[in-house]
Structures are given as C-alpha cells and as structure tokens.
Protein backbone atom coordinates (compact mmCIF):
# COMPACT_ATOMS: atom_id res chain seq x y z
CA MET A 1 0.15 41.79 28.92
CA PRO A 2 2.70 41.11 25.77
CA LYS A 3 2.68 42.70 22.62
CA MET A 4 0.62 41.46 20.06
CA LYS A 5 2.90 40.48 16.87
CA THR A 6 2.25 41.44 13.29
CA LYS A 7 1.77 39.40 10.61
CA SER A 8 5.07 39.44 8.65
CA SER A 9 3.42 38.68 5.98
CA ALA A 10 0.78 40.64 5.72
CA LYS A 11 2.81 43.91 6.47
CA LYS A 12 4.22 43.40 3.33
CA ARG A 13 0.93 42.72 1.47
CA PHE A 14 -1.42 45.17 2.82
CA ARG A 15 -1.49 49.13 3.35
CA VAL A 16 -4.06 51.17 5.32
CA ARG A 17 -5.07 54.16 3.79
CA ALA A 18 -5.82 57.25 5.46
CA GLY A 19 -10.01 57.17 5.90
CA GLY A 20 -9.20 53.35 6.92
CA SER A 21 -9.75 51.31 3.98
CA ILE A 22 -7.25 48.75 3.35
CA LYS A 23 -4.88 48.92 0.41
CA ARG A 24 -3.85 45.05 -1.56
CA ALA A 25 -2.09 44.79 -4.61
CA GLN A 26 -4.12 42.97 -7.78
CA ALA A 27 -2.64 39.41 -8.89
CA PHE A 28 -2.05 37.63 -11.91
CA LYS A 29 0.89 41.23 -12.80
CA ARG A 30 3.44 38.94 -12.11
CA HIS A 31 4.89 36.05 -14.92
CA ILE A 32 3.94 34.57 -18.15
CA LEU A 33 2.66 37.98 -18.94
CA THR A 34 2.44 36.96 -23.23
CA LYS A 35 -0.65 34.89 -23.64
CA LYS A 36 -2.42 38.25 -21.73
CA THR A 37 -4.27 40.90 -23.85
CA THR A 38 -3.10 44.50 -22.76
CA LYS A 39 -5.83 45.50 -21.96
CA ASN A 40 -5.89 42.76 -19.36
CA LYS A 41 -2.98 43.79 -18.33
CA ARG A 42 -3.56 47.33 -17.85
CA HIS A 43 -6.24 46.77 -15.66
CA LEU A 44 -4.21 44.92 -13.49
CA ARG A 45 -2.40 48.01 -12.55
CA GLY A 46 -2.79 50.11 -9.82
CA ALA A 47 -4.14 48.93 -6.28
CA VAL A 48 -7.58 48.43 -5.18
CA ALA A 49 -9.16 47.73 -1.86
CA VAL A 50 -9.75 44.59 0.94
CA HIS A 51 -13.36 42.92 -0.42
CA ALA A 52 -15.18 43.31 2.29
CA SER A 53 -15.72 39.49 3.65
CA ASP A 54 -12.11 39.33 4.40
CA GLU A 55 -11.83 43.11 5.37
CA LYS A 56 -12.42 41.88 9.26
CA MET A 57 -9.41 38.43 8.33
CA VAL A 58 -6.91 41.28 7.04
CA ARG A 59 -7.75 43.13 10.50
CA ALA A 60 -6.95 40.74 12.94
CA MET A 61 -3.42 40.31 10.82
CA LEU A 62 -2.30 43.85 11.60
CA PRO A 63 -3.37 44.84 14.73
CA TYR A 64 -1.35 47.56 15.20
CA ALA A 65 -2.73 49.05 11.46
C-alpha cells in the first residue's frame, strides 16, 4: 500500500500536543485591528484546542500525527 498523504494546509495550521489534543491558532487577529478593542485582541492571543466536534476531521487530515 502507498503511504497516506498529509494535507498541506492542515500541517501548517495544526500541531498535536503531547497529551493528544490538537492545537490551533485563533482567527480574527490578522488585519483591520484598529476597530477591535485591546481586550478583544488580548483574548485572541495564544493557542487553543480544536473543538471536539472538529477533531475527527482534523485527525483525518493528519494521518501520521
């Protein structure tokens, strides 16, 4: 059997943590930041885990992670 391919877009966006959860970056922090409050931008910092409902789909895109 040939090897399964990893989706290139997924490998750039997701990382699997040591505990098995999948880490992702927050959206809405790229541009048009002047109208967003400082509090809003501060809460968008850092990484968060992928939601449980999306985790199966992300794992399918990352077969060897």
